[in-house]
Protein backbone atom coordinates (compact mmCIF):
# COMPACT_ATOMS: atom_id res chain seq x y z
CA MET A 1 123.90 -146.09 -13.68
CA ASN A 2 121.24 -147.08 -11.07
CA ILE A 3 120.70 -145.93 -7.49
CA LEU A 4 122.54 -148.96 -6.12
CA LYS A 5 125.73 -147.92 -8.18
CA ILE A 6 125.37 -144.41 -6.92
CA ILE A 7 125.24 -145.55 -3.24
CA THR A 8 128.14 -147.81 -3.86
CA PHE A 9 130.16 -145.08 -5.42
CA ALA A 10 129.36 -142.73 -2.51
CA LEU A 11 130.63 -145.24 0.07
CA LEU A 12 133.82 -145.69 -1.98
CA LEU A 13 134.18 -141.91 -2.05
CA SER A 14 133.67 -141.50 1.61
CA SER A 15 136.21 -144.35 2.47
CA CYS A 16 138.93 -142.20 1.06
CA SER A 17 138.77 -140.12 4.20
CA PHE A 18 140.05 -142.90 6.24
CA ILE A 19 143.16 -143.58 4.17
CA ALA A 20 144.01 -139.97 3.41
CA ASN A 21 146.94 -138.65 5.38
CA ALA A 22 146.14 -135.05 5.27
CA ALA A 23 147.25 -131.94 7.26
CA GLU A 24 144.55 -130.48 9.46
CA SER A 25 145.43 -126.88 8.90
CA LYS A 26 143.54 -124.81 6.46
CA PRO A 27 145.18 -124.41 2.99
CA LYS A 28 145.71 -120.92 1.73
CA ARG A 29 142.60 -121.37 -0.46
CA GLU A 30 139.48 -123.69 -0.24
CA LEU A 31 136.36 -124.41 -2.14
CA LYS A 32 132.77 -123.64 -0.98
CA ASN A 33 130.03 -126.07 -1.74
CA ASN A 34 129.24 -124.26 -5.04
CA MET A 35 132.96 -124.63 -5.93
CA ALA A 36 133.53 -120.90 -5.53
CA GLU A 37 137.00 -120.09 -3.96
CA VAL A 38 137.62 -118.72 -0.65
CA TYR A 39 141.03 -117.08 0.10
CA ASN A 40 142.27 -117.96 3.64
CA THR A 41 145.69 -116.43 3.10
CA LEU A 42 146.42 -113.20 1.16
CA PRO A 43 149.67 -111.48 0.32
CA PRO A 44 150.83 -108.96 2.83
CA SER A 45 151.21 -105.15 2.74
CA VAL A 46 154.72 -103.99 1.81
CA ASP A 47 156.55 -100.63 1.99
CA ASN A 48 158.66 -100.69 -1.08
CA LEU A 49 158.20 -101.50 -4.80
CA GLY A 50 160.74 -104.29 -4.80
CA ASP A 51 158.62 -106.45 -2.42
CA VAL A 52 155.47 -106.03 -4.27
CA PHE A 53 156.26 -109.07 -6.53
CA THR A 54 158.62 -111.02 -4.22
CA GLU A 55 155.99 -111.04 -1.43
CA GLY A 56 153.15 -111.98 -3.74
CA MET A 57 151.46 -115.25 -3.79
CA LEU A 58 150.75 -117.97 -6.41
CA TYR A 59 147.43 -119.96 -6.31
CA GLY A 60 147.07 -123.10 -8.25
CA ARG A 61 144.27 -125.44 -9.19
CA LEU A 62 144.25 -128.69 -11.00
CA ARG A 63 140.78 -130.02 -11.86
CA MET A 64 139.03 -132.74 -13.82
CA ASN A 65 135.40 -132.90 -14.83
CA ALA A 66 133.59 -135.87 -16.49
CA PHE A 67 129.98 -135.75 -17.68
CA ASN A 68 127.32 -138.13 -19.08
CA TRP A 69 123.89 -137.14 -20.26
CA ASP A 70 121.32 -139.86 -21.00
CA TRP A 71 118.16 -138.76 -22.74
CA SER A 72 114.93 -140.93 -21.98
CA GLU A 73 113.94 -140.35 -25.68
CA ALA A 74 116.48 -139.51 -28.33
CA ASP A 75 115.44 -136.99 -31.11
CA ASN A 76 117.57 -136.41 -34.12
CA ASP A 77 116.99 -132.70 -34.13
CA THR A 78 117.56 -131.85 -30.40
CA ASN A 79 118.21 -134.80 -28.14
CA GLN A 80 121.06 -137.16 -28.44
CA ASP A 81 123.00 -138.83 -25.66
CA ASN A 82 126.18 -137.06 -24.91
CA TYR A 83 129.40 -137.18 -22.77
CA ALA A 84 132.35 -134.93 -22.07
CA PHE A 85 135.75 -134.76 -20.29
CA GLY A 86 137.83 -131.89 -19.26
CA LEU A 87 141.28 -131.91 -17.76
CA GLY A 88 143.18 -128.70 -16.91
CA GLY A 89 143.56 -126.04 -14.17
CA SER A 90 144.57 -122.45 -13.37
CA LEU A 91 147.39 -120.26 -11.91
CA LEU A 92 146.46 -116.98 -10.23
CA TYR A 93 149.06 -114.65 -8.94
CA LYS A 94 148.33 -111.86 -6.64
CA THR A 95 150.83 -109.23 -5.82
CA ALA A 96 151.58 -107.73 -2.37
CA LYS A 97 149.89 -104.49 -1.56
CA LEU A 98 151.87 -101.21 -1.79
CA GLN A 99 150.00 -98.16 -0.12
CA GLY A 100 146.80 -99.97 -0.78
CA PHE A 101 147.53 -100.80 -4.52
CA SER A 102 147.85 -104.50 -5.81
CA ALA A 103 147.19 -106.50 -8.81
CA ALA A 104 146.32 -110.07 -9.89
CA ALA A 105 146.26 -112.15 -13.05
CA GLY A 106 144.70 -115.60 -13.61
CA ALA A 107 145.37 -117.91 -16.40
CA TYR A 108 142.99 -120.80 -17.06
CA TYR A 109 143.36 -123.92 -19.24
CA SER A 110 141.03 -126.87 -20.23
CA ASP A 111 141.56 -129.81 -22.64
CA SER A 112 139.68 -132.84 -23.66
CA PRO A 113 142.71 -134.98 -24.55
CA PHE A 114 141.05 -138.37 -24.94
CA SER A 115 138.80 -138.83 -27.95
CA ALA A 116 137.16 -141.83 -26.24
CA LEU A 117 135.84 -139.54 -23.51
CA HIS A 118 134.16 -136.94 -25.56
CA VAL A 119 131.72 -136.94 -28.54
CA ALA A 120 132.82 -136.50 -32.25
CA GLU A 121 133.31 -133.08 -33.58
CA SER A 122 130.14 -133.33 -35.61
CA ASP A 123 128.12 -133.94 -32.42
CA VAL A 124 129.27 -131.14 -30.16
CA ASN A 125 125.99 -129.11 -30.58
CA TYR A 126 124.27 -132.04 -28.72
CA VAL A 127 126.46 -131.73 -25.71
CA LYS A 128 124.56 -130.35 -22.64
CA ALA A 129 126.23 -130.02 -19.24
CA GLY A 130 129.66 -130.88 -20.44
CA LYS A 131 129.95 -128.22 -23.08
CA ASP A 132 131.95 -125.96 -20.69
CA THR A 133 134.93 -128.31 -20.97
CA PHE A 134 135.65 -127.02 -24.46
CA SER A 135 134.74 -124.18 -26.87
CA LYS A 136 132.30 -125.13 -29.60
CA ASN A 137 133.45 -122.44 -31.68
CA SER A 138 137.08 -123.75 -31.62
CA VAL A 139 135.99 -127.41 -32.16
CA LEU A 140 133.74 -126.68 -35.09
CA ASN A 141 136.08 -124.25 -36.80
CA ASP A 142 139.45 -125.67 -35.98
CA GLY A 143 139.01 -129.15 -34.47
CA ASP A 144 140.58 -127.79 -31.34
CA TRP A 145 139.45 -129.21 -27.97
CA HIS A 146 141.46 -127.10 -25.72
CA MET A 147 140.78 -123.62 -24.11
CA PHE A 148 143.13 -120.97 -22.67
CA ALA A 149 141.80 -117.78 -21.22
CA LEU A 150 143.38 -114.92 -19.20
CA ALA A 151 140.05 -114.76 -17.31
CA GLN A 152 141.32 -112.46 -14.73
CA ALA A 153 143.62 -109.53 -14.78
CA TYR A 154 142.90 -106.49 -12.54
CA VAL A 155 144.51 -103.89 -10.42
CA GLN A 156 142.99 -103.18 -7.00
CA TYR A 157 143.04 -100.42 -4.54
CA GLU A 158 142.05 -100.84 -0.85
CA PHE A 159 141.51 -98.20 1.88
CA ASP A 160 139.76 -98.46 5.24
CA LYS A 161 136.87 -100.90 4.56
CA THR A 162 136.55 -100.18 0.73
CA SER A 163 138.05 -102.02 -2.23
CA LEU A 164 138.06 -101.04 -5.86
CA LYS A 165 138.82 -103.13 -8.78
CA ALA A 166 139.40 -102.41 -12.41
CA GLY A 167 140.04 -105.25 -15.16
CA ARG A 168 138.90 -108.71 -15.70
CA GLN A 169 137.52 -110.19 -12.51
CA ILE A 170 134.97 -112.39 -10.80
CA PHE A 171 131.87 -110.73 -9.37
CA GLU A 172 129.27 -112.54 -7.32
CA SER A 173 125.72 -111.15 -6.98
CA LEU A 174 122.15 -112.38 -7.38
CA LEU A 175 122.05 -112.62 -11.11
CA ILE A 176 125.78 -112.48 -11.74
CA SER A 177 128.15 -115.27 -10.78
CA SER A 178 131.36 -116.94 -11.56
CA ASN A 179 129.38 -120.21 -11.59
CA ASP A 180 132.80 -122.08 -11.29
CA THR A 181 131.60 -125.58 -11.42
CA LYS A 182 133.26 -126.66 -14.75
CA MET A 183 136.81 -125.72 -15.89
CA ILE A 184 136.89 -121.92 -16.31
CA PRO A 185 134.84 -119.37 -14.43
CA ASN A 186 132.53 -116.87 -15.89
CA THR A 187 134.12 -113.48 -15.61
CA PHE A 188 133.59 -109.87 -16.34
CA GLU A 189 135.50 -106.88 -17.62
CA GLY A 190 135.03 -103.51 -16.11
CA MET A 191 134.98 -101.92 -12.69
CA SER A 192 133.68 -102.86 -9.30
CA PHE A 193 133.68 -101.88 -5.67
CA ILE A 194 132.85 -103.28 -2.29
CA THR A 195 132.49 -101.32 0.95
CA LYS A 196 131.64 -102.03 4.54
CA GLU A 197 131.88 -98.44 5.74
CA VAL A 198 128.27 -98.36 6.73
CA PRO A 199 127.71 -100.41 10.02
CA SER A 200 126.33 -103.89 9.57
CA THR A 201 126.09 -103.21 5.79
CA ILE A 202 127.92 -104.52 2.77
CA ILE A 203 127.56 -102.49 -0.40
CA ARG A 204 128.75 -103.89 -3.73
CA GLY A 205 128.53 -102.47 -7.18
CA GLY A 206 129.91 -102.79 -10.72
CA TYR A 207 129.99 -101.48 -14.23
CA PHE A 208 130.89 -104.27 -16.67
CA TYR A 209 131.14 -103.74 -20.49
CA ALA A 210 132.12 -107.31 -21.36
CA GLN A 211 131.59 -110.89 -20.19
CA LYS A 212 133.52 -114.17 -20.83
CA LEU A 213 131.27 -117.24 -20.49
CA ARG A 214 132.72 -120.45 -19.18
CA ASP A 215 133.16 -122.01 -22.65
CA HIS A 216 134.51 -118.93 -24.27
CA THR A 217 138.18 -117.81 -24.49
CA ASP A 218 137.37 -114.12 -25.50
CA PHE A 219 135.16 -111.44 -23.97
CA HIS A 220 132.01 -110.36 -25.65
CA ASP A 221 128.92 -108.32 -25.09
CA VAL A 222 126.83 -108.91 -21.91
CA ILE A 223 123.47 -109.17 -23.62
CA THR A 224 123.66 -109.35 -27.45
CA TYR A 225 123.02 -112.72 -29.00
CA ASN A 226 124.77 -113.61 -32.20
CA THR A 227 127.16 -111.40 -34.19
CA ALA A 228 127.39 -109.55 -37.57
CA SER A 229 128.64 -112.73 -38.98
CA ASP A 230 125.63 -114.78 -37.57
CA ASN A 231 127.93 -116.64 -35.06
CA PRO A 232 126.27 -116.96 -31.77
CA MET A 233 129.29 -118.62 -30.20
CA GLU A 234 131.29 -115.53 -30.37
CA ASN A 235 128.67 -113.41 -28.42
CA GLN A 236 126.23 -113.88 -25.59
CA ASP A 237 125.17 -117.54 -26.18
CA ASP A 238 124.55 -118.68 -22.60
CA SER A 239 121.76 -121.38 -22.39
CA ALA A 240 119.71 -118.71 -20.68
CA ALA A 241 120.43 -115.99 -23.19
CA HIS A 242 117.50 -114.11 -24.73
CA LYS A 243 117.90 -115.02 -28.34
CA GLY A 244 115.49 -112.15 -29.51
CA LEU A 245 118.00 -109.56 -28.22
CA SER A 246 120.22 -110.37 -31.19
CA TYR A 247 122.72 -108.32 -33.30
CA ALA A 248 120.28 -108.37 -36.14
CA ASN A 249 117.36 -107.17 -34.05
CA PHE A 250 119.30 -104.46 -32.26
CA THR A 251 120.65 -103.33 -35.64
CA ARG A 252 117.21 -103.40 -37.34
CA ALA A 253 115.90 -101.29 -34.47
CA GLY A 254 118.67 -98.72 -34.87
CA GLU A 255 119.97 -99.58 -31.36
CA ASP A 256 123.56 -100.13 -30.28
CA THR A 257 124.85 -103.67 -30.15
CA GLU A 258 127.28 -103.13 -27.38
CA HIS A 259 125.97 -102.91 -23.88
CA ALA A 260 126.96 -102.51 -20.31
CA LEU A 261 125.85 -104.31 -17.19
CA VAL A 262 125.35 -102.29 -14.10
CA ILE A 263 124.86 -103.77 -10.66
CA THR A 264 124.28 -102.43 -7.25
CA ASP A 265 123.99 -104.96 -4.20
CA ILE A 266 123.15 -104.08 -0.58
CA LYS A 267 123.35 -106.49 2.32
CA ASN A 268 122.33 -105.26 5.76
CA LYS A 269 122.11 -107.00 9.18
CA SER A 270 121.31 -103.99 11.41
CA LEU A 271 118.24 -105.63 12.77
CA LYS A 272 118.76 -108.59 15.13
CA ASP A 273 118.50 -112.01 13.39
CA ILE A 274 117.33 -110.35 10.18
CA GLN A 275 119.23 -110.17 6.86
CA LEU A 276 117.99 -107.70 4.24
CA ASP A 277 119.13 -107.73 0.61
CA LEU A 278 118.46 -105.41 -2.16
CA THR A 279 119.82 -105.82 -5.62
CA TYR A 280 119.57 -103.72 -8.76
CA THR A 281 120.76 -105.00 -11.99
CA ALA A 282 120.44 -103.19 -15.46
CA VAL A 283 121.47 -103.27 -19.04
CA PRO A 284 120.75 -99.71 -19.75
CA HIS A 285 118.17 -99.09 -22.62
CA VAL A 286 117.26 -102.79 -22.69
CA LEU A 287 115.99 -104.00 -19.22
CA SER A 288 116.54 -103.76 -15.47
CA SER A 289 115.45 -105.48 -12.49
CA ILE A 290 115.18 -104.82 -8.63
CA THR A 291 115.12 -107.58 -6.13
CA GLY A 292 114.28 -107.46 -2.39
CA GLU A 293 114.92 -110.40 0.01
CA ILE A 294 114.36 -110.75 3.80
CA ASN A 295 115.60 -113.73 5.86
CA TYR A 296 114.69 -113.93 9.55
CA ILE A 297 116.67 -116.40 11.85
CA ILE A 298 114.59 -117.81 14.82
CA LYS A 299 116.45 -119.77 17.46
CA LEU A 300 114.44 -122.50 19.13
CA PRO A 301 115.44 -124.81 21.96
CA TYR A 302 117.94 -127.64 21.46
CA ASP A 303 120.03 -125.39 19.15
CA ILE A 304 117.47 -125.56 16.35
CA PHE A 305 117.41 -122.75 13.99
CA VAL A 306 114.43 -121.88 11.73
CA THR A 307 114.83 -119.40 8.94
CA PRO A 308 111.79 -118.10 6.94
CA GLY A 309 112.88 -116.23 3.71
CA ILE A 310 111.17 -114.47 0.96
CA ARG A 311 112.44 -112.94 -2.33
CA TYR A 312 110.72 -110.82 -4.86
CA MET A 313 112.09 -109.61 -8.23
CA ARG A 314 110.52 -107.24 -10.59
CA GLN A 315 111.85 -106.98 -14.18
CA ILE A 316 111.44 -103.83 -16.02
CA ASP A 317 111.31 -103.33 -19.70
CA ASN A 318 113.42 -100.47 -20.80
CA GLY A 319 113.16 -100.99 -24.48
CA GLY A 320 114.25 -104.47 -24.94
CA GLY A 321 110.70 -106.01 -25.27
CA SER A 322 109.98 -104.22 -28.37
CA ILE A 323 113.27 -105.48 -29.88
CA GLY A 324 113.46 -108.98 -28.68
CA GLY A 325 109.90 -109.94 -27.42
CA ALA A 326 108.73 -111.58 -24.15
CA SER A 327 110.09 -115.18 -24.69
CA LEU A 328 113.76 -116.08 -24.22
CA ASP A 329 113.83 -118.10 -27.48
CA GLY A 330 113.35 -115.00 -29.56
CA SER A 331 110.34 -116.26 -31.53
CA LEU A 332 108.22 -113.18 -30.68
CA ALA A 333 110.89 -110.62 -31.61
CA ASN A 334 109.16 -109.69 -34.84
CA TRP A 335 105.62 -110.51 -33.54
CA ASP A 336 102.49 -108.58 -34.67
CA ALA A 337 98.77 -108.85 -33.91
CA SER A 338 98.23 -111.14 -36.83
CA GLN A 339 100.53 -113.80 -35.22
CA PRO A 340 99.73 -116.25 -32.35
CA ASP A 341 100.98 -114.89 -29.03
CA ASN A 342 102.37 -118.35 -27.98
CA GLY A 343 100.76 -118.01 -24.52
CA TYR A 344 102.22 -114.59 -23.63
CA SER A 345 99.92 -111.80 -22.40
CA ASP A 346 102.02 -109.13 -23.98
CA PRO A 347 104.33 -110.51 -26.57
CA LYS A 348 106.34 -107.35 -26.92
CA SER A 349 107.05 -106.53 -23.29
CA LEU A 350 109.81 -107.75 -20.99
CA ASN A 351 107.95 -106.65 -17.85
CA GLY A 352 107.76 -109.60 -15.45
CA SER A 353 108.05 -110.71 -11.99
CA LEU A 354 109.14 -113.64 -9.71
CA GLY A 355 108.20 -114.35 -6.13
CA MET A 356 109.81 -116.90 -3.84
CA ALA A 357 109.44 -118.31 -0.35
CA ARG A 358 111.25 -120.90 1.78
CA LEU A 359 111.47 -122.26 5.29
CA LEU A 360 114.84 -123.56 6.36
CA PHE A 361 115.64 -125.76 9.45
CA LYS A 362 119.07 -126.14 10.74
CA LYS A 363 120.51 -128.12 13.63
CA GLY A 364 124.35 -128.87 13.74
CA PRO A 365 125.33 -130.56 10.53
CA PHE A 366 121.74 -131.12 9.40
CA ILE A 367 119.95 -128.62 7.15
CA THR A 368 116.58 -128.97 5.47
CA GLN A 369 114.49 -126.69 3.40
CA ILE A 370 111.22 -126.48 1.64
CA ALA A 371 110.57 -123.74 -1.12
CA TYR A 372 108.18 -122.40 -3.53
CA SER A 373 108.52 -120.00 -6.60
CA GLU A 374 106.13 -118.61 -9.02
CA VAL A 375 106.84 -116.41 -12.09
CA ALA A 376 104.13 -114.05 -13.19
CA ASP A 377 102.33 -114.75 -16.46
CA GLU A 378 104.13 -111.95 -18.17
CA ALA A 379 107.57 -112.08 -19.68
CA ASP A 380 110.36 -114.55 -19.11
CA ILE A 381 112.99 -113.51 -16.72
CA VAL A 382 116.23 -112.46 -18.42
CA ALA A 383 119.39 -113.74 -16.61
CA PRO A 384 122.21 -115.00 -18.90
CA TRP A 385 125.01 -114.07 -16.40
CA ARG A 386 125.18 -117.33 -14.57
CA GLY A 387 123.47 -116.13 -11.57
CA PHE A 388 120.20 -117.84 -11.11
CA PRO A 389 116.97 -115.95 -10.10
CA THR A 390 115.54 -118.98 -8.18
CA GLY A 391 118.92 -119.97 -6.89
CA GLY A 392 118.98 -120.96 -3.17
CA TYR A 393 115.14 -121.54 -3.25
CA THR A 394 113.80 -123.83 -5.95
CA ARG A 395 116.47 -124.15 -8.65
CA ALA A 396 117.71 -127.76 -9.33
CA MET A 397 120.83 -128.72 -11.22
CA SER A 398 120.59 -127.86 -14.96
CA GLN A 399 117.02 -126.43 -14.63
CA TYR A 400 115.66 -123.09 -15.82
CA ASN A 401 112.50 -122.48 -13.96
CA TRP A 402 112.00 -118.83 -14.52
CA TYR A 403 109.95 -118.93 -17.72
CA ALA A 404 106.63 -117.03 -17.49
CA ASN A 405 103.90 -118.62 -15.57
CA THR A 406 106.21 -121.37 -14.05
CA LYS A 407 105.46 -122.67 -10.62
CA THR A 408 108.05 -124.76 -8.63
CA THR A 409 107.85 -126.53 -5.26
CA SER A 410 111.07 -128.12 -3.86
CA ALA A 411 112.51 -129.81 -0.87
CA GLU A 412 116.17 -130.47 0.06
CA VAL A 413 118.16 -132.04 2.77
CA PHE A 414 121.93 -131.41 3.49
CA TYR A 415 124.06 -133.24 5.97
CA ASP A 416 127.74 -132.76 6.81
CA PHE A 417 128.86 -136.21 7.98
CA SER A 418 132.23 -135.07 9.17
CA LYS A 419 130.62 -132.68 11.87
CA TYR A 420 130.20 -135.51 14.24
CA LYS A 421 133.13 -137.60 12.79
CA VAL A 422 130.65 -140.07 11.11
CA LEU A 423 132.48 -140.01 7.84
CA LYS A 424 135.37 -137.63 7.78
CA GLY A 425 135.19 -134.98 5.00
CA PHE A 426 132.05 -136.38 3.53
CA SER A 427 128.76 -134.39 2.89
CA ALA A 428 125.55 -135.01 1.02
CA LEU A 429 122.67 -133.05 -0.51
CA ALA A 430 119.37 -134.30 -1.94
CA ARG A 431 116.96 -131.98 -3.57
CA TYR A 432 113.61 -132.84 -5.01
CA ALA A 433 111.65 -130.25 -7.25
CA MET A 434 108.26 -130.40 -8.94
CA GLN A 435 108.09 -127.96 -11.81
CA ASP A 436 104.90 -126.87 -13.36
CA PHE A 437 105.47 -125.02 -16.72
CA ASP A 438 102.93 -123.41 -18.93
CA GLU A 439 101.90 -125.80 -21.75
CA SER A 440 100.63 -122.97 -23.85
CA LYS A 441 104.22 -121.71 -24.09
CA GLN A 442 105.74 -124.85 -25.52
CA ALA A 443 105.87 -123.30 -29.03
CA THR A 444 108.55 -121.11 -27.64
CA GLY A 445 110.63 -123.86 -26.30
CA VAL A 446 109.31 -124.11 -22.73
CA GLN A 447 109.60 -127.61 -21.41
CA ALA A 448 106.87 -129.96 -20.03
CA ASP A 449 106.04 -130.41 -16.40
CA SER A 450 108.68 -132.42 -14.57
CA ASN A 451 109.96 -133.92 -11.37
CA ILE A 452 113.68 -133.87 -10.71
CA LEU A 453 115.85 -135.65 -8.16
CA HIS A 454 119.22 -134.03 -7.57
CA LEU A 455 121.88 -135.57 -5.42
CA ASP A 456 125.40 -134.00 -4.57
CA LEU A 457 127.93 -136.17 -2.80
CA ARG A 458 131.14 -134.44 -1.87
CA GLN A 459 134.30 -135.83 -0.25
CA HIS A 460 137.16 -133.79 1.12
CA ILE A 461 140.03 -136.20 0.75
CA SER A 462 142.44 -133.77 2.22
CA PRO A 463 142.24 -129.98 2.89
CA GLU A 464 143.51 -129.46 -0.71
CA LEU A 465 141.82 -132.36 -2.59
CA THR A 466 138.04 -132.66 -3.15
CA ALA A 467 135.93 -135.12 -5.13
CA LYS A 468 132.27 -134.52 -5.98
CA LEU A 469 129.63 -136.68 -7.62
CA ARG A 470 126.49 -134.98 -8.98
CA VAL A 471 123.35 -136.74 -10.29
CA GLY A 472 120.20 -135.36 -11.85
CA LEU A 473 117.27 -137.69 -12.59
CA VAL A 474 114.33 -135.87 -14.41
CA ASP A 475 111.01 -137.41 -15.07
CA ALA A 476 108.97 -135.25 -17.37
CA GLU A 477 105.63 -135.38 -19.09
CA LYS A 478 105.34 -135.51 -22.83
CA ARG A 479 104.94 -132.30 -24.64
CA GLU A 480 101.94 -131.24 -26.58
CA SER A 481 103.50 -132.90 -29.68
CA GLY A 482 103.51 -136.16 -27.89
CA LYS A 483 107.23 -136.45 -27.71
CA ASP A 484 109.17 -136.90 -24.41
CA LEU A 485 111.85 -134.19 -25.00
CA ASP A 486 112.54 -133.39 -21.30
CA SER A 487 113.29 -136.67 -19.33
CA TYR A 488 116.89 -137.50 -18.92
CA ASN A 489 119.52 -138.70 -16.35
CA GLU A 490 122.71 -136.72 -15.87
CA TYR A 491 125.92 -137.71 -14.11
CA ARG A 492 128.95 -135.48 -13.31
CA PHE A 493 132.08 -136.33 -11.46
CA GLU A 494 134.82 -133.68 -10.57
CA MET A 495 138.04 -133.63 -8.75
CA ASN A 496 139.87 -130.31 -7.52
CA TYR A 497 143.38 -130.11 -6.06
CA LEU A 498 144.47 -126.63 -4.78
CA PHE A 499 147.96 -125.65 -4.15
């Protein structure tokens, strides 16, 4: 697919807005640009048990995702062109509130029903972005291409400006996210709260003892890679997982293989035009991090807004470095001084840091941003919970730019064409990122320097129906081995219908 085809498709997509006969009122639920759900209508409060269920509400979602990944240079061991297709949806039921108490349950389903639209069973390990349309574990063990998960099931208690949840749930924070861009969201099991009791402040927190990744049907440990039976697909096998923090390595060190994830997140707007964020995330006895962020909104003439922002994250080793090593690939887990350090200043430490800065300009439907991020030459940043440390600054689609000693410069432009009724319901985003990785760390799997162009074209066909085309074009240098293992073109198309 070349750029002419992309532009042609975008124009066809935008033309749907002129033929759609859609209601103007907001649906009871809608999607943000990152495909997270926003609830416009919630069940009411009732005063008797009989109305708790009869006054509850059902939220449905039908969705389709198609993927194509085209490597520049195929490699029999790692890189093979691949494609995937997912068809499914979800039903979520929320009860009405009785004296502040309510409950909810969400069932999610995904299937790859057409063999012509997905790779053969023997090739599923080559699938990249499309892997979340199915469970590799189910395909390899049972030849089963469908997934079903009760991803949400919780009770909730609300009083004044505070809400408490217990059970399976979505939680959104800096390093923790539903990342609901495929078929089934990333969810957690445990307890959480959100409160707005403090003026101009939102405080969130959570204690989670299990996670369900998007391509999993069961919940598992939040950090431990692999299992006692050497099956990584039944535990924390996210593409950003730290493979050195494995079942075998925790057991060898005499440490527990079951962990909890603790989060505290504070957002404050007490100061005029300034937003302050402070986030603490920890896996006790393994590692923790504290992140501070400040954004300052400056209003200029002609309704132009300029927002400079900075974010700094400090990762603290609480014992995980001696078990898993400094690199995410796990190759330094059993390191000693007689072995090469693979470019890491302290191969047995997870201490690390990440700094970012951005400058955002906004006028009406037009938003543009330039940003920079730099990871200290210490340990890789550990974040396998689908929240991205460089998200909102320099991260581009499918890219992991938080390896040690990585520097990224990016620029992006967003325009909502529907604001001035140019193309009703159509918006577009273009992002260009230049990524400078540390070549001395390629032995641990760190990629070569690359430039990426990322395009998002989105069309609201009606308040309930959305289509989105995503394109990632990556031009990378060859690795030290002389192979081009990092250049590719990626295409995604998705549709969502909410009811």
